[in-house]
Every structure is written in C-alpha cells, then in structure tokens.
Protein backbone atom coordinates (compact mmCIF):
# COMPACT_ATOMS: atom_id res chain seq x y z
CA UNK A 1 0.00 0.00 0.00
CA UNK A 2 1.49 3.30 -1.02
CA UNK A 3 1.45 6.61 0.82
CA UNK A 4 -1.68 7.96 -0.91
CA UNK A 5 -3.64 4.81 -0.15
CA UNK A 6 -2.65 5.01 3.50
CA UNK A 7 -3.57 8.68 3.61
CA UNK A 8 -7.03 8.04 2.14
CA UNK A 9 -7.69 5.15 4.52
CA UNK A 10 -6.61 7.21 7.53
CA UNK A 11 -8.78 10.16 6.51
CA UNK A 12 -11.80 7.89 6.06
CA UNK A 13 -11.32 6.63 9.61
CA UNK A 14 -11.22 10.11 11.13
CA UNK A 15 -13.46 12.35 9.03
CA UNK A 16 -16.87 13.26 10.43
CA UNK A 17 -20.07 13.25 8.37
CA UNK A 18 -20.24 17.03 8.75
CA UNK A 19 -16.70 17.43 7.40
CA UNK A 20 -17.43 15.12 4.48
CA UNK A 21 -20.57 17.09 3.62
CA UNK A 22 -18.59 20.35 3.77
CA UNK A 23 -15.81 18.96 1.54
CA UNK A 24 -18.40 17.68 -0.90
CA UNK A 25 -19.85 21.16 -1.30
CA UNK A 26 -16.34 22.56 -1.87
CA UNK A 27 -15.94 20.16 -4.80
CA UNK A 28 -19.40 20.74 -6.28
CA UNK A 29 -20.79 17.43 -5.01
CA UNK A 30 -23.35 18.54 -2.46
CA UNK A 31 -24.48 15.75 -0.16
CA UNK A 32 -26.43 15.83 3.07
CA UNK A 33 -25.03 14.89 6.45
CA UNK A 34 -27.33 11.86 6.36
CA UNK A 35 -25.83 10.76 3.04
CA UNK A 36 -22.34 11.41 4.40
CA UNK A 37 -23.09 9.09 7.34
CA UNK A 38 -24.14 6.33 4.94
CA UNK A 39 -21.10 6.87 2.74
CA UNK A 40 -18.73 6.74 5.71
CA UNK A 41 -20.43 3.63 7.06
CA UNK A 42 -19.95 1.97 3.67
CA UNK A 43 -16.32 3.08 3.46
CA UNK A 44 -15.50 2.02 7.00
CA UNK A 45 -17.18 -1.38 6.88
CA UNK A 46 -15.83 -2.38 3.46
CA UNK A 47 -12.21 -2.43 2.42
CA UNK A 48 -12.58 -0.36 -0.75
CA UNK A 49 -9.47 0.57 -2.68
CA UNK A 50 -10.42 3.54 -4.89
CA UNK A 51 -7.03 3.18 -6.60
CA UNK A 52 -8.12 -0.14 -8.14
CA UNK A 53 -10.38 0.39 -11.19
CA UNK A 54 -12.64 -2.60 -10.47
CA UNK A 55 -13.10 -1.74 -6.81
CA UNK A 56 -13.70 1.91 -7.70
CA UNK A 57 -16.51 0.86 -10.06
CA UNK A 58 -18.20 -1.00 -7.20
CA UNK A 59 -17.73 2.01 -4.95
CA UNK A 60 -19.23 4.36 -7.54
CA UNK A 61 -22.27 2.09 -7.96
CA UNK A 62 -22.84 2.07 -4.20
CA UNK A 63 -22.32 5.82 -4.06
CA UNK A 64 -24.98 6.28 -6.75
CA UNK A 65 -27.45 4.31 -4.61
CA UNK A 66 -26.78 6.57 -1.62
CA UNK A 67 -26.68 9.88 -3.47
CA UNK A 68 -27.48 10.06 -7.18
CA UNK A 69 -25.91 8.88 -10.44
CA UNK A 70 -24.78 12.44 -11.17
CA UNK A 71 -22.99 12.81 -7.82
CA UNK A 72 -21.38 9.37 -8.24
CA UNK A 73 -20.17 10.28 -11.73
CA UNK A 74 -18.61 13.53 -10.50
CA UNK A 75 -17.03 11.72 -7.55
CA UNK A 76 -15.51 9.17 -9.91
CA UNK A 77 -14.04 11.98 -11.99
CA UNK A 78 -12.45 13.42 -8.83
CA UNK A 79 -11.10 9.99 -7.86
CA UNK A 80 -9.56 9.66 -11.33
CA UNK A 81 -7.90 13.08 -11.06
CA UNK A 82 -6.51 12.15 -7.64
CA UNK A 83 -5.26 8.74 -8.79
CA UNK A 84 -3.55 10.25 -11.83
CA UNK A 85 -1.73 12.82 -9.68
CA UNK A 86 -0.25 10.23 -7.36
C-alpha cells in the first residue's frame, strides 16, 4: 500500500459526516449529512481501494445508490484526477 492509499484510509477513519458534507460542497458534489453518514459507514465497513479500477466501479455504484448517479459520476471523476496525480 502506497502513501496515498494510507492517507485516504486514515482520513476515512477520522473524518466526520459534517466534514465530508462540507468537503463535498467545496468540490461541487453537495451531499447531506445523512448521506455522508451512509457513505462513511460503507467506506469504514468495506475495504474499498479507490485506486483499483474494479473496486472503484463497485464504490461508484454504491455511491450512486446513496446519493445520485450524477454525484457518483462527479465523484468518480475526482477519484480519477486524484489517482492520476499520485
């Protein structure tokens, strides 16, 4: 596991739903605190590696169920930008 993967996993363990909702607005992906709670529960109870294309697809599908297909698509685009910068 590389540095970025460790950083993402650590942040997922410590971020609050309120912080996630605030970050989402900053990136044009507005979600509610309730949705943020569901997203964090999913992320914390499943070992999802957003750096792996197949696992990211699963994550995006689950994200679409919690939020909307549009939000999930935008989130995937952000993940791709982040992965490419690593």
